[in-house]
Amino acid sequence: MAELVTGHAGKAHATAEQAAGLNAGILGLDDYVLNVHDKFELTVVSANKVTIGTGELVMQGRHVSQGTPEDLLVTNGSQGQKRNDLIVCRYTKGSQSVESAELVVVRGTPTTGTPTDPTLNTTSPLNGGTTYDMPLYRIPLDGITIGTPVALFNVLKPMSDVWDSLTQTEVLTLINSTYGTVKGYRRGSLVTLRIDWKLSASGAWNTGNFGTLPESWRPPMDLNFSFGGRDGANQKIINVNANGTMTYANQGGTQGTNAFGMTVSYAL
């Protein structure tokens, strides 16, 4: 039977299960730390204690909030042995269907070889699971020493970031020179450039410069593209560098005869 959840029914009727189903439907069935507060940042305090910072997470649609930092104890390691412990957020449904969540250290098995992670509870509460673990950190121990913790969670970006990734700019002229133009537009982090250029008669076989891209249009690493000339005989190498400079090399022909146009795309 259909039921209006977000409406007045004259009695308490909206359930946690319904809220979890809505969260899971919107956010997906993966587990996420939300991009607020300390994002459960981990600080190693001593050889057997760590502190987990504040944060919000969603695990299988269940929203868990940590408003104050929490100390967790790690069982001491043993000389000559290695071990992987996991810090998890554990969901539990107990008697009378009372649900709760807590941060737990799941102890791994010591070994003189390569340690493996301990087994976790993986049956989703959406599928009837009464205990479910969302891994947050791996804590490697070598002897009595705690190694560098490894984050195991994904941070869910807010909708504002998604909107930015879908928004397209207008076409802008980024470089304008005697010999041509470089125009471009952006959709989120994806840049598309249109290069229309011709060569000067002197130095046609030399390297040359288009100009410099504005800072927000520059790729994270040096890129290069090959392009055959209009005369079919000469290959152009176009460099788009991380510092914004654009250059060409191995050109031939005469001005006006050896002109070229191309479109390239790259992610910032």
C-alpha atoms as a PDB file:
ATOM      1  CA  MET A   1       0.000   0.000   0.000  1.00  0.00           C
ATOM      2  CA  ALA A   2       1.340   3.419  -0.931  1.00  0.00           C
ATOM      3  CA  GLU A   3       2.057   5.851   1.905  1.00  0.00           C
ATOM      4  CA  LEU A   4       2.831   9.568   1.799  1.00  0.00           C
ATOM      5  CA  VAL A   5       5.965   9.909   3.911  1.00  0.00           C
ATOM      6  CA  THR A   6       6.568  13.657   3.752  1.00  0.00           C
ATOM      7  CA  GLY A   7       3.045  14.651   4.687  1.00  0.00           C
ATOM      8  CA  HIS A   8       0.853  15.114   7.762  1.00  0.00           C
ATOM      9  CA  ALA A   9      -0.889  11.877   8.730  1.00  0.00           C
ATOM     10  CA  GLY A  10      -2.256  12.866  12.119  1.00  0.00           C
ATOM     11  CA  LYS A  11       0.176  10.469  13.814  1.00  0.00           C
ATOM     12  CA  ALA A  12       3.865   9.635  13.906  1.00  0.00           C
ATOM     13  CA  HIS A  13       4.505   7.576  10.790  1.00  0.00           C
ATOM     14  CA  ALA A  14       7.816   8.541   9.083  1.00  0.00           C
ATOM     15  CA  THR A  15      10.369   5.831   9.896  1.00  0.00           C
ATOM     16  CA  ALA A  16      14.155   5.683   9.920  1.00  0.00           C
ATOM     17  CA  GLU A  17      13.928   2.910   7.331  1.00  0.00           C
ATOM     18  CA  GLN A  18      12.101   5.247   4.965  1.00  0.00           C
ATOM     19  CA  ALA A  19      14.677   8.006   5.527  1.00  0.00           C
ATOM     20  CA  ALA A  20      17.498   5.534   4.858  1.00  0.00           C
ATOM     21  CA  GLY A  21      15.807   4.361   1.667  1.00  0.00           C
ATOM     22  CA  LEU A  22      15.525   7.949   0.445  1.00  0.00           C
ATOM     23  CA  ASN A  23      19.198   8.651   1.237  1.00  0.00           C
ATOM     24  CA  ALA A  24      20.331   5.487  -0.505  1.00  0.00           C
ATOM     25  CA  GLY A  25      18.200   6.250  -3.547  1.00  0.00           C
ATOM     26  CA  ILE A  26      19.670   9.735  -3.909  1.00  0.00           C
ATOM     27  CA  LEU A  27      23.268   9.126  -2.815  1.00  0.00           C
ATOM     28  CA  GLY A  28      23.654   5.537  -4.006  1.00  0.00           C
ATOM     29  CA  LEU A  29      24.413   2.290  -2.225  1.00  0.00           C
ATOM     30  CA  ASP A  30      28.044   3.082  -1.474  1.00  0.00           C
ATOM     31  CA  ASP A  31      29.310   4.463   1.841  1.00  0.00           C
ATOM     32  CA  TYR A  32      30.544   8.043   2.044  1.00  0.00           C
ATOM     33  CA  VAL A  33      32.051  10.557   4.423  1.00  0.00           C
ATOM     34  CA  LEU A  34      30.461  13.953   3.795  1.00  0.00           C
ATOM     35  CA  ASN A  35      32.577  16.986   2.989  1.00  0.00           C
ATOM     36  CA  VAL A  36      32.000  18.824   6.298  1.00  0.00           C
ATOM     37  CA  HIS A  37      33.689  19.212   9.704  1.00  0.00           C
ATOM     38  CA  ASP A  38      36.938  17.210  10.218  1.00  0.00           C
ATOM     39  CA  LYS A  39      35.849  14.407   7.835  1.00  0.00           C
ATOM     40  CA  PHE A  40      36.807  11.857  10.537  1.00  0.00           C
ATOM     41  CA  GLU A  41      40.450  12.883  10.415  1.00  0.00           C
ATOM     42  CA  LEU A  42      42.667  10.435  12.313  1.00  0.00           C
ATOM     43  CA  THR A  43      45.477  11.475  14.663  1.00  0.00           C
ATOM     44  CA  VAL A  44      47.883   8.931  16.157  1.00  0.00           C
ATOM     45  CA  VAL A  45      48.246   9.816  19.840  1.00  0.00           C
ATOM     46  CA  SER A  46      50.425   6.954  21.071  1.00  0.00           C
ATOM     47  CA  ALA A  47      51.381   3.350  20.321  1.00  0.00           C
ATOM     48  CA  ASN A  48      47.907   2.206  21.324  1.00  0.00           C
ATOM     49  CA  LYS A  49      45.613   5.223  20.951  1.00  0.00           C
ATOM     50  CA  VAL A  50      44.227   7.240  18.049  1.00  0.00           C
ATOM     51  CA  THR A  51      41.758  10.124  17.895  1.00  0.00           C
ATOM     52  CA  ILE A  52      39.020  10.341  15.268  1.00  0.00           C
ATOM     53  CA  GLY A  53      37.792  13.847  14.495  1.00  0.00           C
ATOM     54  CA  THR A  54      34.288  15.124  13.902  1.00  0.00           C
ATOM     55  CA  GLY A  55      32.336  14.301  10.783  1.00  0.00           C
ATOM     56  CA  GLU A  56      29.203  13.117   9.056  1.00  0.00           C
ATOM     57  CA  LEU A  57      28.843   9.935   7.030  1.00  0.00           C
ATOM     58  CA  VAL A  58      26.190   7.992   5.189  1.00  0.00           C
ATOM     59  CA  MET A  59      26.420   4.197   5.216  1.00  0.00           C
ATOM     60  CA  GLN A  60      23.821   2.249   3.273  1.00  0.00           C
ATOM     61  CA  GLY A  61      21.493   5.227   3.604  1.00  0.00           C
ATOM     62  CA  ARG A  62      22.034   5.562   7.374  1.00  0.00           C
ATOM     63  CA  HIS A  63      23.260   8.992   8.437  1.00  0.00           C
ATOM     64  CA  VAL A  64      25.812   8.927  11.280  1.00  0.00           C
ATOM     65  CA  SER A  65      27.038  12.098  12.973  1.00  0.00           C
ATOM     66  CA  GLN A  66      30.121  12.516  15.162  1.00  0.00           C
ATOM     67  CA  GLY A  67      29.871  15.863  16.915  1.00  0.00           C
ATOM     68  CA  THR A  68      33.015  15.619  19.065  1.00  0.00           C
ATOM     69  CA  PRO A  69      36.385  13.860  18.564  1.00  0.00           C
ATOM     70  CA  GLU A  70      36.646  10.337  19.947  1.00  0.00           C
ATOM     71  CA  ASP A  71      39.626   8.377  21.275  1.00  0.00           C
ATOM     72  CA  LEU A  72      39.964   4.724  20.263  1.00  0.00           C
ATOM     73  CA  LEU A  73      42.340   2.165  21.751  1.00  0.00           C
ATOM     74  CA  VAL A  74      44.433  -0.081  19.519  1.00  0.00           C
ATOM     75  CA  THR A  75      45.605  -3.369  21.013  1.00  0.00           C
ATOM     76  CA  ASN A  76      49.384  -3.302  21.457  1.00  0.00           C
ATOM     77  CA  GLY A  77      51.415  -4.972  18.737  1.00  0.00           C
ATOM     78  CA  SER A  78      53.939  -7.758  19.329  1.00  0.00           C
ATOM     79  CA  GLN A  79      57.671  -7.719  18.650  1.00  0.00           C
ATOM     80  CA  GLY A  80      58.577  -9.476  15.397  1.00  0.00           C
ATOM     81  CA  GLN A  81      54.978  -9.576  14.133  1.00  0.00           C
ATOM     82  CA  LYS A  82      52.841  -7.457  11.842  1.00  0.00           C
ATOM     83  CA  ARG A  83      49.121  -6.811  11.956  1.00  0.00           C
ATOM     84  CA  ASN A  84      46.419  -4.834  10.164  1.00  0.00           C
ATOM     85  CA  ASP A  85      43.617  -3.384  12.266  1.00  0.00           C
ATOM     86  CA  LEU A  86      40.606  -1.634  10.756  1.00  0.00           C
ATOM     87  CA  ILE A  87      38.692   1.275  12.221  1.00  0.00           C
ATOM     88  CA  VAL A  88      35.070   1.005  11.141  1.00  0.00           C
ATOM     89  CA  CYS A  89      31.752   2.639  11.753  1.00  0.00           C
ATOM     90  CA  ARG A  90      29.556  -0.269  12.870  1.00  0.00           C
ATOM     91  CA  TYR A  91      25.791  -0.261  12.408  1.00  0.00           C
ATOM     92  CA  THR A  92      23.824  -2.608  14.652  1.00  0.00           C
ATOM     93  CA  LYS A  93      20.151  -3.508  14.867  1.00  0.00           C
ATOM     94  CA  GLY A  94      19.487  -5.078  18.258  1.00  0.00           C
ATOM     95  CA  SER A  95      16.483  -6.320  20.166  1.00  0.00           C
ATOM     96  CA  GLN A  96      13.156  -4.659  19.423  1.00  0.00           C
ATOM     97  CA  SER A  97      14.800  -3.377  16.221  1.00  0.00           C
ATOM     98  CA  VAL A  98      16.698  -0.658  18.117  1.00  0.00           C
ATOM     99  CA  GLU A  99      19.441   0.653  15.820  1.00  0.00           C
ATOM    100  CA  SER A 100      22.773   2.217  16.765  1.00  0.00           C
ATOM    101  CA  ALA A 101      26.175   3.124  15.333  1.00  0.00           C
ATOM    102  CA  GLU A 102      29.632   3.358  16.890  1.00  0.00           C
ATOM    103  CA  LEU A 103      33.291   3.539  15.910  1.00  0.00           C
ATOM    104  CA  VAL A 104      35.059   0.227  16.484  1.00  0.00           C
ATOM    105  CA  VAL A 105      38.630  -1.047  16.099  1.00  0.00           C
ATOM    106  CA  VAL A 106      38.532  -4.490  14.445  1.00  0.00           C
ATOM    107  CA  ARG A 107      41.720  -6.364  15.332  1.00  0.00           C
ATOM    108  CA  GLY A 108      43.584  -8.238  12.625  1.00  0.00           C
ATOM    109  CA  THR A 109      45.575 -11.450  12.939  1.00  0.00           C
ATOM    110  CA  PRO A 110      49.302 -11.091  13.824  1.00  0.00           C
ATOM    111  CA  THR A 111      51.756 -12.711  11.429  1.00  0.00           C
ATOM    112  CA  THR A 112      55.448 -12.797  10.648  1.00  0.00           C
ATOM    113  CA  GLY A 113      54.576 -12.536   6.942  1.00  0.00           C
ATOM    114  CA  THR A 114      52.344 -10.107   5.090  1.00  0.00           C
ATOM    115  CA  PRO A 115      49.326  -9.112   7.204  1.00  0.00           C
ATOM    116  CA  THR A 116      45.793  -9.109   5.808  1.00  0.00           C
ATOM    117  CA  ASP A 117      42.770  -7.081   6.826  1.00  0.00           C
ATOM    118  CA  PRO A 118      40.293  -8.627   9.262  1.00  0.00           C
ATOM    119  CA  THR A 119      36.901  -9.796   8.006  1.00  0.00           C
ATOM    120  CA  LEU A 120      34.086  -7.261   8.252  1.00  0.00           C
ATOM    121  CA  ASN A 121      30.298  -7.463   8.293  1.00  0.00           C
ATOM    122  CA  THR A 122      29.157  -6.634   4.768  1.00  0.00           C
ATOM    123  CA  THR A 123      25.433  -7.496   4.584  1.00  0.00           C
ATOM    124  CA  SER A 124      23.640  -4.197   4.049  1.00  0.00           C
ATOM    125  CA  PRO A 125      20.830  -3.262   6.428  1.00  0.00           C
ATOM    126  CA  LEU A 126      18.882  -2.471   3.270  1.00  0.00           C
ATOM    127  CA  ASN A 127      19.052  -6.224   2.599  1.00  0.00           C
ATOM    128  CA  GLY A 128      18.192  -7.282   6.129  1.00  0.00           C
ATOM    129  CA  GLY A 129      21.676  -7.172   7.700  1.00  0.00           C
ATOM    130  CA  THR A 130      21.673  -6.509  11.435  1.00  0.00           C
ATOM    131  CA  THR A 131      25.394  -5.667  11.654  1.00  0.00           C
ATOM    132  CA  TYR A 132      27.265  -3.702   9.013  1.00  0.00           C
ATOM    133  CA  ASP A 133      30.785  -2.245   8.991  1.00  0.00           C
ATOM    134  CA  MET A 134      31.900   0.774   6.998  1.00  0.00           C
ATOM    135  CA  PRO A 135      35.732   0.787   6.912  1.00  0.00           C
ATOM    136  CA  LEU A 136      37.318   4.151   7.683  1.00  0.00           C
ATOM    137  CA  TYR A 137      41.036   3.437   8.228  1.00  0.00           C
ATOM    138  CA  ARG A 138      43.591   0.662   8.055  1.00  0.00           C
ATOM    139  CA  ILE A 139      46.042   0.800  10.968  1.00  0.00           C
ATOM    140  CA  PRO A 140      49.237  -1.137  10.106  1.00  0.00           C
ATOM    141  CA  LEU A 141      51.320  -2.344  13.036  1.00  0.00           C
ATOM    142  CA  ASP A 142      54.925  -3.479  12.722  1.00  0.00           C
ATOM    143  CA  GLY A 143      56.009  -4.826  16.071  1.00  0.00           C
ATOM    144  CA  ILE A 144      54.817  -2.337  18.662  1.00  0.00           C
ATOM    145  CA  THR A 145      54.874   0.578  16.224  1.00  0.00           C
ATOM    146  CA  ILE A 146      51.786   2.028  14.563  1.00  0.00           C
ATOM    147  CA  GLY A 147      52.508   2.800  10.920  1.00  0.00           C
ATOM    148  CA  THR A 148      50.908   5.423   8.714  1.00  0.00           C
ATOM    149  CA  PRO A 149      47.095   5.057   8.765  1.00  0.00           C
ATOM    150  CA  VAL A 150      45.445   4.504   5.376  1.00  0.00           C
ATOM    151  CA  ALA A 151      42.078   6.166   4.691  1.00  0.00           C
ATOM    152  CA  LEU A 152      39.604   3.715   3.137  1.00  0.00           C
ATOM    153  CA  PHE A 153      36.588   5.962   2.602  1.00  0.00           C
ATOM    154  CA  ASN A 154      35.416   8.215  -0.207  1.00  0.00           C
ATOM    155  CA  VAL A 155      34.397  11.811   0.447  1.00  0.00           C
ATOM    156  CA  LEU A 156      31.086  12.653  -1.215  1.00  0.00           C
ATOM    157  CA  LYS A 157      31.288  16.023  -2.949  1.00  0.00           C
ATOM    158  CA  PRO A 158      28.365  18.444  -2.484  1.00  0.00           C
ATOM    159  CA  MET A 159      25.814  19.199  -5.182  1.00  0.00           C
ATOM    160  CA  SER A 160      27.448  22.604  -5.768  1.00  0.00           C
ATOM    161  CA  ASP A 161      30.525  20.780  -7.094  1.00  0.00           C
ATOM    162  CA  VAL A 162      28.336  18.624  -9.333  1.00  0.00           C
ATOM    163  CA  TRP A 163      26.660  21.741 -10.687  1.00  0.00           C
ATOM    164  CA  ASP A 164      30.021  23.308 -11.458  1.00  0.00           C
ATOM    165  CA  SER A 165      31.056  20.153 -13.331  1.00  0.00           C
ATOM    166  CA  LEU A 166      27.972  20.421 -15.567  1.00  0.00           C
ATOM    167  CA  THR A 167      28.111  24.163 -16.243  1.00  0.00           C
ATOM    168  CA  GLN A 168      29.633  25.249 -19.545  1.00  0.00           C
ATOM    169  CA  THR A 169      31.281  28.612 -20.072  1.00  0.00           C
ATOM    170  CA  GLU A 170      30.794  30.733 -23.144  1.00  0.00           C
ATOM    171  CA  VAL A 171      33.410  30.557 -25.886  1.00  0.00           C
ATOM    172  CA  LEU A 172      36.279  32.906 -25.034  1.00  0.00           C
ATOM    173  CA  THR A 173      39.254  34.116 -27.046  1.00  0.00           C
ATOM    174  CA  LEU A 174      42.212  33.106 -24.877  1.00  0.00           C
ATOM    175  CA  ILE A 175      45.099  34.056 -27.195  1.00  0.00           C
ATOM    176  CA  ASN A 176      44.918  36.566 -30.055  1.00  0.00           C
ATOM    177  CA  SER A 177      47.944  37.179 -32.265  1.00  0.00           C
ATOM    178  CA  THR A 178      48.908  38.426 -35.707  1.00  0.00           C
ATOM    179  CA  TYR A 179      49.024  34.819 -36.883  1.00  0.00           C
ATOM    180  CA  GLY A 180      45.888  33.426 -35.321  1.00  0.00           C
ATOM    181  CA  THR A 181      43.709  32.774 -32.305  1.00  0.00           C
ATOM    182  CA  VAL A 182      43.161  30.199 -29.568  1.00  0.00           C
ATOM    183  CA  LYS A 183      39.576  30.028 -28.399  1.00  0.00           C
ATOM    184  CA  GLY A 184      38.136  27.791 -25.702  1.00  0.00           C
ATOM    185  CA  TYR A 185      35.253  26.807 -23.471  1.00  0.00           C
ATOM    186  CA  ARG A 186      35.071  24.813 -20.250  1.00  0.00           C
ATOM    187  CA  ARG A 187      32.575  22.312 -18.900  1.00  0.00           C
ATOM    188  CA  GLY A 188      33.639  21.753 -15.313  1.00  0.00           C
ATOM    189  CA  SER A 189      37.257  20.586 -15.431  1.00  0.00           C
ATOM    190  CA  LEU A 190      37.166  19.693 -19.146  1.00  0.00           C
ATOM    191  CA  VAL A 191      38.726  22.275 -21.459  1.00  0.00           C
ATOM    192  CA  THR A 192      38.218  22.376 -25.235  1.00  0.00           C
ATOM    193  CA  LEU A 193      40.501  24.583 -27.315  1.00  0.00           C
ATOM    194  CA  ARG A 194      40.116  25.641 -30.934  1.00  0.00           C
ATOM    195  CA  ILE A 195      43.469  26.637 -32.494  1.00  0.00           C
ATOM    196  CA  ASP A 196      43.478  28.538 -35.800  1.00  0.00           C
ATOM    197  CA  TRP A 197      46.972  29.540 -36.898  1.00  0.00           C
ATOM    198  CA  LYS A 198      49.256  30.322 -39.840  1.00  0.00           C
ATOM    199  CA  LEU A 199      53.034  30.547 -39.886  1.00  0.00           C
ATOM    200  CA  SER A 200      55.301  33.474 -40.472  1.00  0.00           C
ATOM    201  CA  ALA A 201      57.314  33.173 -43.689  1.00  0.00           C
ATOM    202  CA  SER A 202      60.584  33.629 -41.820  1.00  0.00           C
ATOM    203  CA  GLY A 203      61.434  30.791 -39.473  1.00  0.00           C
ATOM    204  CA  ALA A 204      58.677  28.532 -40.734  1.00  0.00           C
ATOM    205  CA  TRP A 205      60.789  25.509 -39.837  1.00  0.00           C
ATOM    206  CA  ASN A 206      61.615  26.790 -36.346  1.00  0.00           C
ATOM    207  CA  THR A 207      59.744  26.534 -33.110  1.00  0.00           C
ATOM    208  CA  GLY A 208      57.391  29.366 -32.229  1.00  0.00           C
ATOM    209  CA  ASN A 209      54.978  30.628 -29.641  1.00  0.00           C
ATOM    210  CA  PHE A 210      51.230  31.034 -29.696  1.00  0.00           C
ATOM    211  CA  GLY A 211      51.163  32.874 -26.386  1.00  0.00           C
ATOM    212  CA  THR A 212      50.160  32.016 -22.814  1.00  0.00           C
ATOM    213  CA  LEU A 213      46.842  30.643 -21.579  1.00  0.00           C
ATOM    214  CA  PRO A 214      45.160  32.290 -18.572  1.00  0.00           C
ATOM    215  CA  GLU A 215      45.950  30.501 -15.322  1.00  0.00           C
ATOM    216  CA  SER A 216      42.536  28.868 -14.865  1.00  0.00           C
ATOM    217  CA  TRP A 217      42.833  27.237 -18.329  1.00  0.00           C
ATOM    218  CA  ARG A 218      46.201  25.541 -17.885  1.00  0.00           C
ATOM    219  CA  PRO A 219      46.555  21.721 -17.815  1.00  0.00           C
ATOM    220  CA  PRO A 220      48.074  20.005 -14.739  1.00  0.00           C
ATOM    221  CA  MET A 221      50.967  18.638 -16.827  1.00  0.00           C
ATOM    222  CA  ASP A 222      52.700  19.387 -20.137  1.00  0.00           C
ATOM    223  CA  LEU A 223      50.657  18.087 -23.083  1.00  0.00           C
ATOM    224  CA  ASN A 224      51.454  17.741 -26.779  1.00  0.00           C
ATOM    225  CA  PHE A 225      49.426  16.969 -29.867  1.00  0.00           C
ATOM    226  CA  SER A 226      50.424  15.994 -33.379  1.00  0.00           C
ATOM    227  CA  PHE A 227      48.661  17.466 -36.387  1.00  0.00           C
ATOM    228  CA  GLY A 228      49.279  17.104 -40.095  1.00  0.00           C
ATOM    229  CA  GLY A 229      49.575  20.330 -42.096  1.00  0.00           C
ATOM    230  CA  ARG A 230      47.125  21.419 -44.716  1.00  0.00           C
ATOM    231  CA  ASP A 231      49.676  20.702 -47.409  1.00  0.00           C
ATOM    232  CA  GLY A 232      49.786  17.076 -46.229  1.00  0.00           C
ATOM    233  CA  ALA A 233      53.565  17.016 -45.992  1.00  0.00           C
ATOM    234  CA  ASN A 234      54.433  18.601 -42.673  1.00  0.00           C
ATOM    235  CA  GLN A 235      53.596  17.420 -39.190  1.00  0.00           C
ATOM    236  CA  LYS A 236      52.935  19.941 -36.484  1.00  0.00           C
ATOM    237  CA  ILE A 237      53.648  19.326 -32.817  1.00  0.00           C
ATOM    238  CA  ILE A 238      51.557  21.519 -30.568  1.00  0.00           C
ATOM    239  CA  ASN A 239      52.619  21.873 -26.934  1.00  0.00           C
ATOM    240  CA  VAL A 240      50.226  23.043 -24.231  1.00  0.00           C
ATOM    241  CA  ASN A 241      52.348  23.398 -21.126  1.00  0.00           C
ATOM    242  CA  ALA A 242      51.439  23.408 -17.454  1.00  0.00           C
ATOM    243  CA  ASN A 243      52.760  26.960 -17.108  1.00  0.00           C
ATOM    244  CA  GLY A 244      50.279  28.084 -19.755  1.00  0.00           C
ATOM    245  CA  THR A 245      52.708  28.586 -22.642  1.00  0.00           C
ATOM    246  CA  MET A 246      51.681  27.185 -26.012  1.00  0.00           C
ATOM    247  CA  THR A 247      54.312  26.443 -28.647  1.00  0.00           C
ATOM    248  CA  TYR A 248      54.654  24.728 -32.004  1.00  0.00           C
ATOM    249  CA  ALA A 249      57.581  22.949 -33.653  1.00  0.00           C
ATOM    250  CA  ASN A 250      58.728  21.357 -36.943  1.00  0.00           C
ATOM    251  CA  GLN A 251      56.752  23.637 -39.213  1.00  0.00           C
ATOM    252  CA  GLY A 252      57.400  24.043 -42.917  1.00  0.00           C
ATOM    253  CA  GLY A 253      56.102  25.936 -45.894  1.00  0.00           C
ATOM    254  CA  THR A 254      55.304  29.586 -46.341  1.00  0.00           C
ATOM    255  CA  GLN A 255      52.960  31.925 -44.590  1.00  0.00           C
ATOM    256  CA  GLY A 256      49.415  31.536 -45.822  1.00  0.00           C
ATOM    257  CA  THR A 257      50.169  28.258 -47.599  1.00  0.00           C
ATOM    258  CA  ASN A 258      50.967  26.332 -44.432  1.00  0.00           C
ATOM    259  CA  ALA A 259      48.068  27.214 -42.167  1.00  0.00           C
ATOM    260  CA  PHE A 260      46.324  24.813 -39.824  1.00  0.00           C
ATOM    261  CA  GLY A 261      43.386  24.451 -37.481  1.00  0.00           C
ATOM    262  CA  MET A 262      42.694  21.892 -34.774  1.00  0.00           C
ATOM    263  CA  THR A 263      40.570  21.203 -31.704  1.00  0.00           C
ATOM    264  CA  VAL A 264      41.955  19.595 -28.537  1.00  0.00           C
ATOM    265  CA  SER A 265      40.417  18.739 -25.179  1.00  0.00           C
ATOM    266  CA  TYR A 266      41.958  18.016 -21.778  1.00  0.00           C
ATOM    267  CA  ALA A 267      40.925  17.829 -18.136  1.00  0.00           C
ATOM    268  CA  LEU A 268      42.276  20.295 -15.591  1.00  0.00           C
END
